[in-house]
Amino acid sequence: MLRLSVPAGERIETTHRYRVSVAGAEFNVAIALARMGRSVTWMSRLPLGSLGRRVVGELQRHGVDTSHVTWSEGERLGTYFVELSSPPRPVEVTYDRQGSSASKMTPRTIDWDVIETASVLFVSGITPAISGACRELAHEVVTQAAVMGTEVVVDVNYRSRLWSPSEAHDSLRPLCGMASLVILTQNDARTLFDAQGEPCAALTYLSDLFETSSVVMTLGSEGAAWIEGGSCQKAAAFDTAIVDRVGSGDAFAAGVVTGFLDGDLADGVQRGLAMAALTLGLYGDQFIGGPRDVDTIRSRIGPEVDR
């Protein structure tokens, strides 16, 4: 999507200027992974023209492979508006994405050879939320990846403005059941899957529910907890001065994926917390940093890990 954000302290109804950038859940994760030195291919459907080229150009600038993007004619790029704020006023987000080019993706959008040869397929819960076609596509892609032996990572990423809790539950529970790793917030765990209690109890419940050995759950300002092979651990968040909240969850997810790829989920969670902290201090949705930035933060103010 194209992101249009008003300067902090201004309102959409009165502003005379916007900061323009590109954003999207898998888009943000792809850029963060590429900036952390990983080989990443992003697949989607974009409209021919300057707006579609803006999206692809941004991905390519960070080293993401866009050669498998499908192009459409006479369609639109989804947009959304962000109104940054200071407490007690929350961040306001307004979507304008109905009928976008991406919402019309089908299995023809996917190069199955890329899925088969990938180490990991990453899908967020936003993709199946944006249209019925995307819902069918997400299930088809995850199902086929599982059959091909490709590891699947699902970031639940529930958005109440896109669908109801019951709709999200019915669609995402099967995806999570086919995933090797599930990432979600504590609120989403409660809202969608009725995972109650303290974090380790909720994670044990979710691991059994999804029949998935690895589940990571963010705890807001308290950090994150995760379960792997029946063992639960926690890590504290980094103290952060917040400039822009949007996109920090995607940076966290990318960090977790790096650890999953390396066979060290604990390190991935701690890396993800550092990447989220860095992103909170930047305007825009993207993690604009690299391994050296993450290592510097972790060495200076690393969070404690409860093993």
Protein backbone atom coordinates (compact mmCIF):
# COMPACT_ATOMS: atom_id res chain seq x y z
CA MET A 1 0.00 0.00 0.00
CA LEU A 2 0.89 3.66 -0.27
CA ARG A 3 1.13 5.21 3.19
CA LEU A 4 0.18 8.87 3.67
CA SER A 5 0.98 10.14 7.17
CA VAL A 6 0.40 13.58 8.61
CA PRO A 7 3.11 15.25 10.72
CA ALA A 8 2.93 14.43 14.42
CA GLY A 9 0.57 16.84 16.14
CA GLU A 10 -1.57 17.47 13.05
CA ARG A 11 -4.92 15.96 12.05
CA ILE A 12 -6.00 14.58 8.68
CA GLU A 13 -8.93 16.98 8.51
CA THR A 14 -6.71 20.05 8.81
CA THR A 15 -3.28 19.08 7.46
CA HIS A 16 -1.84 20.58 4.28
CA ARG A 17 0.96 18.05 3.82
CA TYR A 18 1.61 14.33 3.92
CA ARG A 19 4.71 12.19 4.28
CA VAL A 20 4.54 9.55 1.52
CA SER A 21 5.99 6.06 1.85
CA VAL A 22 5.21 2.46 0.96
CA ALA A 23 4.11 -0.16 3.48
CA GLY A 24 2.47 -3.53 4.01
CA ALA A 25 3.01 -6.43 6.41
CA GLU A 26 4.91 -8.86 4.18
CA PHE A 27 6.48 -5.89 2.39
CA ASN A 28 7.94 -4.62 5.69
CA VAL A 29 9.14 -8.07 6.72
CA ALA A 30 10.78 -8.62 3.32
CA ILE A 31 12.75 -5.38 3.59
CA ALA A 32 13.81 -6.06 7.18
CA LEU A 33 15.03 -9.55 6.28
CA ALA A 34 16.94 -8.26 3.25
CA ARG A 35 18.60 -5.56 5.36
CA MET A 36 19.65 -8.28 7.80
CA GLY A 37 21.47 -10.03 4.97
CA ARG A 38 18.91 -12.64 3.96
CA SER A 39 17.88 -13.58 0.43
CA VAL A 40 14.22 -12.57 0.02
CA THR A 41 11.65 -12.84 -2.77
CA TRP A 42 8.40 -10.87 -2.49
CA MET A 43 5.34 -11.92 -4.46
CA SER A 44 2.27 -9.76 -5.01
CA ARG A 45 0.12 -8.11 -7.67
CA LEU A 46 0.63 -4.45 -8.55
CA PRO A 47 -0.94 -1.95 -10.96
CA LEU A 48 1.08 -0.90 -13.99
CA GLY A 49 2.19 2.69 -13.68
CA SER A 50 4.12 5.01 -11.42
CA LEU A 51 2.57 3.83 -8.14
CA GLY A 52 3.37 0.18 -8.85
CA ARG A 53 6.91 1.17 -9.85
CA ARG A 54 7.23 3.09 -6.57
CA VAL A 55 6.53 -0.13 -4.64
CA VAL A 56 8.94 -2.24 -6.64
CA GLY A 57 11.62 0.43 -6.57
CA GLU A 58 11.47 0.62 -2.79
CA LEU A 59 11.86 -3.14 -2.45
CA GLN A 60 14.72 -3.27 -4.92
CA ARG A 61 16.53 -0.45 -3.12
CA HIS A 62 16.77 -2.68 -0.07
CA GLY A 63 17.81 -5.79 -2.01
CA VAL A 64 14.50 -7.67 -2.27
CA ASP A 65 13.88 -9.78 -5.39
CA THR A 66 10.75 -8.50 -7.19
CA SER A 67 11.05 -10.55 -10.36
CA HIS A 68 7.95 -12.58 -9.49
CA VAL A 69 5.55 -9.65 -9.09
CA THR A 70 2.43 -9.87 -11.29
CA TRP A 71 1.32 -6.67 -13.03
CA SER A 72 -2.24 -5.58 -13.79
CA GLU A 73 -3.68 -2.85 -15.98
CA GLY A 74 -6.36 -0.34 -15.03
CA GLU A 75 -6.37 -1.20 -11.32
CA ARG A 76 -5.38 0.63 -8.14
CA LEU A 77 -2.82 0.50 -5.37
CA GLY A 78 -4.33 0.37 -1.88
CA THR A 79 -3.62 3.35 0.35
CA TYR A 80 -3.84 4.13 4.02
CA PHE A 81 -3.63 7.27 6.12
CA VAL A 82 -1.78 7.51 9.44
CA GLU A 83 -2.38 10.16 12.05
CA LEU A 84 0.53 10.05 14.50
CA SER A 85 -0.21 11.20 18.02
CA SER A 86 0.99 11.65 21.57
CA PRO A 87 -0.69 10.03 24.60
CA PRO A 88 -3.47 9.92 25.53
CA ARG A 89 -4.62 10.15 21.88
CA PRO A 90 -3.99 6.86 20.03
CA VAL A 91 -2.52 6.53 16.55
CA GLU A 92 -5.34 6.69 14.00
CA VAL A 93 -5.22 4.58 10.81
CA THR A 94 -7.69 4.88 7.92
CA TYR A 95 -7.62 2.28 5.14
CA ASP A 96 -8.61 2.81 1.51
CA ARG A 97 -7.73 -0.49 -0.09
CA GLN A 98 -10.95 -2.13 -1.29
CA GLY A 99 -10.64 -3.42 -4.84
CA SER A 100 -6.87 -2.98 -4.93
CA SER A 101 -4.75 -4.89 -7.40
CA ALA A 102 -3.34 -7.01 -4.56
CA SER A 103 -6.81 -7.96 -3.35
CA LYS A 104 -7.35 -9.79 -6.65
CA MET A 105 -4.41 -12.16 -6.32
CA THR A 106 -4.97 -15.78 -7.39
CA PRO A 107 -2.76 -18.90 -7.48
CA ARG A 108 -1.58 -17.67 -10.91
CA THR A 109 0.20 -14.89 -8.98
CA ILE A 110 2.51 -17.47 -7.42
CA ASP A 111 5.63 -19.02 -8.90
CA TRP A 112 5.48 -22.43 -7.22
CA ASP A 113 9.14 -23.18 -7.98
CA VAL A 114 10.10 -20.29 -5.71
CA ILE A 115 7.93 -21.67 -2.90
CA GLU A 116 9.39 -25.15 -3.29
CA THR A 117 13.02 -23.97 -3.15
CA ALA A 118 12.54 -21.45 -0.34
CA SER A 119 13.73 -22.13 3.19
CA VAL A 120 10.71 -20.34 4.64
CA LEU A 121 7.38 -19.03 3.38
CA PHE A 122 6.17 -16.03 5.40
CA VAL A 123 2.48 -15.08 5.39
CA SER A 124 0.70 -12.55 7.58
CA GLY A 125 -2.91 -12.72 8.70
CA ILE A 126 -3.60 -9.47 6.88
CA THR A 127 -3.35 -11.11 3.45
CA PRO A 128 -6.35 -13.46 3.88
CA ALA A 129 -8.28 -10.57 5.48
CA ILE A 130 -8.29 -8.23 2.50
CA SER A 131 -10.55 -10.25 0.17
CA GLY A 132 -12.12 -13.62 -0.43
CA ALA A 133 -9.68 -14.25 -3.28
CA CYS A 134 -6.72 -13.58 -1.01
CA ARG A 135 -8.20 -15.83 1.65
CA GLU A 136 -8.34 -18.70 -0.81
CA LEU A 137 -4.86 -17.87 -2.07
CA ALA A 138 -3.31 -17.81 1.40
CA HIS A 139 -4.75 -21.22 2.22
CA GLU A 140 -3.61 -22.65 -1.11
CA VAL A 141 -0.07 -21.28 -0.75
CA VAL A 142 0.36 -22.48 2.83
CA THR A 143 -1.12 -25.90 2.02
CA GLN A 144 1.14 -26.40 -1.00
CA ALA A 145 4.22 -25.15 0.87
CA ALA A 146 3.56 -27.68 3.61
CA VAL A 147 3.20 -30.44 1.00
CA MET A 148 6.45 -29.33 -0.67
CA GLY A 149 8.30 -29.46 2.65
CA THR A 150 8.87 -25.70 2.88
CA GLU A 151 8.75 -24.31 6.41
CA VAL A 152 5.81 -21.96 6.97
CA VAL A 153 5.79 -18.96 9.31
CA VAL A 154 2.43 -17.34 10.04
CA ASP A 155 2.22 -13.93 11.72
CA VAL A 156 -1.40 -13.68 12.91
CA ASN A 157 -1.39 -9.85 12.77
CA TYR A 158 -5.14 -9.47 13.41
CA ARG A 159 -6.78 -6.25 12.16
CA SER A 160 -10.28 -5.67 13.53
CA ARG A 161 -11.05 -3.14 10.78
CA LEU A 162 -10.63 -5.83 8.13
CA TRP A 163 -12.62 -8.71 9.64
CA SER A 164 -14.33 -9.99 12.77
CA PRO A 165 -12.69 -12.22 15.40
CA SER A 166 -14.81 -15.20 14.33
CA GLU A 167 -13.91 -14.74 10.64
CA ALA A 168 -10.23 -14.40 11.52
CA HIS A 169 -10.33 -17.46 13.78
CA ASP A 170 -11.96 -19.66 11.16
CA SER A 171 -9.44 -18.63 8.51
CA LEU A 172 -6.25 -18.38 10.54
CA ARG A 173 -6.51 -21.43 12.76
CA PRO A 174 -6.00 -23.85 9.81
CA LEU A 175 -3.05 -21.74 8.59
CA CYS A 176 -1.47 -21.81 12.04
CA GLY A 177 -2.04 -25.56 12.15
CA MET A 178 0.15 -25.98 9.05
CA ALA A 179 2.87 -23.61 10.25
CA SER A 180 6.24 -24.52 11.71
CA LEU A 181 6.24 -21.22 13.61
CA VAL A 182 3.38 -18.93 14.66
CA ILE A 183 3.88 -15.32 15.79
CA LEU A 184 1.11 -13.33 17.48
CA THR A 185 0.38 -10.71 20.10
CA GLN A 186 -0.99 -11.52 23.54
CA ASN A 187 -4.19 -9.63 22.69
CA ASP A 188 -4.68 -11.59 19.47
CA ALA A 189 -4.06 -14.85 21.31
CA ARG A 190 -6.90 -13.98 23.68
CA THR A 191 -9.27 -12.46 21.13
CA LEU A 192 -8.99 -15.09 18.39
CA PHE A 193 -8.00 -18.28 20.19
CA ASP A 194 -9.13 -17.75 23.81
CA ALA A 195 -5.58 -18.28 25.10
CA GLN A 196 -5.92 -17.09 28.68
CA GLY A 197 -3.63 -16.95 31.69
CA GLU A 198 -0.01 -15.97 32.07
CA PRO A 199 2.19 -16.10 28.94
CA CYS A 200 3.68 -19.58 29.34
CA ALA A 201 0.29 -21.14 30.04
CA ALA A 202 -1.17 -19.38 26.98
CA LEU A 203 1.76 -20.50 24.82
CA THR A 204 1.40 -24.11 25.93
CA TYR A 205 -2.29 -23.96 25.06
CA LEU A 206 -1.56 -22.45 21.62
CA SER A 207 1.19 -24.98 20.88
CA ASP A 208 -1.28 -27.79 21.58
CA LEU A 209 -4.08 -26.05 19.66
CA PHE A 210 -1.99 -25.56 16.52
CA GLU A 211 0.01 -28.78 16.97
CA THR A 212 3.02 -26.52 16.40
CA SER A 213 6.13 -26.79 18.56
CA SER A 214 7.20 -23.14 18.13
CA VAL A 215 4.99 -20.16 19.05
CA VAL A 216 6.16 -16.61 19.78
CA MET A 217 3.95 -14.10 21.57
CA THR A 218 4.64 -10.39 22.03
CA LEU A 219 3.73 -8.83 25.38
CA GLY A 220 3.76 -5.13 24.53
CA SER A 221 6.08 -3.11 26.76
CA GLU A 222 6.95 -6.28 28.69
CA GLY A 223 8.76 -7.86 25.72
CA ALA A 224 8.01 -11.31 24.36
CA ALA A 225 7.64 -14.95 25.35
CA TRP A 226 8.01 -18.08 23.29
CA ILE A 227 7.67 -21.82 23.49
CA GLU A 228 9.88 -24.25 21.62
CA GLY A 229 9.76 -27.99 22.10
CA GLY A 230 7.70 -27.58 25.27
CA SER A 231 10.14 -25.15 26.91
CA CYS A 232 8.91 -21.60 27.61
CA GLN A 233 11.15 -18.53 27.82
CA LYS A 234 10.70 -14.76 28.14
CA ALA A 235 12.73 -11.71 27.11
CA ALA A 236 12.23 -8.11 28.23
CA ALA A 237 11.67 -5.26 25.79
CA PHE A 238 14.16 -2.47 25.19
CA ASP A 239 13.41 0.97 26.58
CA THR A 240 12.44 3.05 23.56
CA ALA A 241 11.47 6.63 22.75
CA ILE A 242 8.60 6.18 20.30
CA VAL A 243 8.53 8.23 17.10
CA ASP A 244 6.19 6.05 14.99
CA ARG A 245 4.56 2.85 16.24
CA VAL A 246 3.53 1.48 12.85
CA GLY A 247 5.69 -1.35 11.50
CA SER A 248 7.49 -2.33 14.70
CA GLY A 249 5.65 -5.65 14.85
CA ASP A 250 6.83 -6.51 11.34
CA ALA A 251 10.43 -5.71 12.31
CA PHE A 252 10.04 -8.01 15.31
CA ALA A 253 8.66 -10.79 13.11
CA ALA A 254 11.61 -10.46 10.72
CA GLY A 255 14.04 -10.81 13.61
CA VAL A 256 12.25 -13.94 14.81
CA VAL A 257 12.42 -15.41 11.30
CA THR A 258 16.21 -14.88 11.19
CA GLY A 259 16.55 -16.86 14.41
CA PHE A 260 14.24 -19.57 13.09
CA LEU A 261 16.36 -19.84 9.95
CA ASP A 262 19.52 -20.08 12.07
CA GLY A 263 18.04 -22.73 14.33
CA ASP A 264 18.15 -20.39 17.35
CA LEU A 265 14.68 -19.06 18.12
CA ALA A 266 15.78 -17.44 21.40
CA ASP A 267 18.37 -15.35 19.59
CA GLY A 268 15.79 -14.49 16.93
CA VAL A 269 13.33 -13.19 19.53
CA GLN A 270 15.99 -11.01 21.15
CA ARG A 271 17.09 -9.78 17.73
CA GLY A 272 13.46 -9.05 16.87
CA LEU A 273 13.00 -7.00 20.05
CA ALA A 274 16.03 -4.92 19.11
CA MET A 275 14.78 -4.45 15.54
CA ALA A 276 11.34 -3.43 16.82
CA ALA A 277 12.94 -0.89 19.17
CA LEU A 278 14.94 0.61 16.32
CA THR A 279 11.85 0.83 14.11
CA LEU A 280 9.83 2.56 16.84
CA GLY A 281 12.39 5.36 16.70
CA LEU A 282 11.98 5.92 12.94
CA TYR A 283 9.28 7.45 10.77
CA GLY A 284 7.67 4.98 8.38
CA ASP A 285 6.94 1.28 8.56
CA GLN A 286 10.35 -0.08 7.64
CA PHE A 287 13.29 -1.28 9.69
CA ILE A 288 16.08 0.89 8.31
CA GLY A 289 19.12 -0.65 9.92
CA GLY A 290 21.30 -3.69 9.71
CA PRO A 291 23.10 -6.35 11.75
CA ARG A 292 25.61 -3.87 13.17
CA ASP A 293 22.84 -1.61 14.52
CA VAL A 294 21.09 -4.58 16.11
CA ASP A 295 24.29 -5.93 17.65
CA THR A 296 25.17 -2.50 19.05
CA ILE A 297 21.84 -2.13 20.80
CA ARG A 298 21.91 -5.66 22.14
CA SER A 299 25.44 -5.29 23.52
CA ARG A 300 24.73 -1.97 25.23
CA ILE A 301 21.24 -2.44 26.59
CA GLY A 302 20.35 -6.06 26.02
CA PRO A 303 17.14 -7.33 27.64
CA GLU A 304 17.19 -10.01 30.28
CA VAL A 305 16.12 -13.48 29.23
CA ASP A 306 14.18 -15.74 31.58
CA ARG A 307 15.11 -19.30 30.82
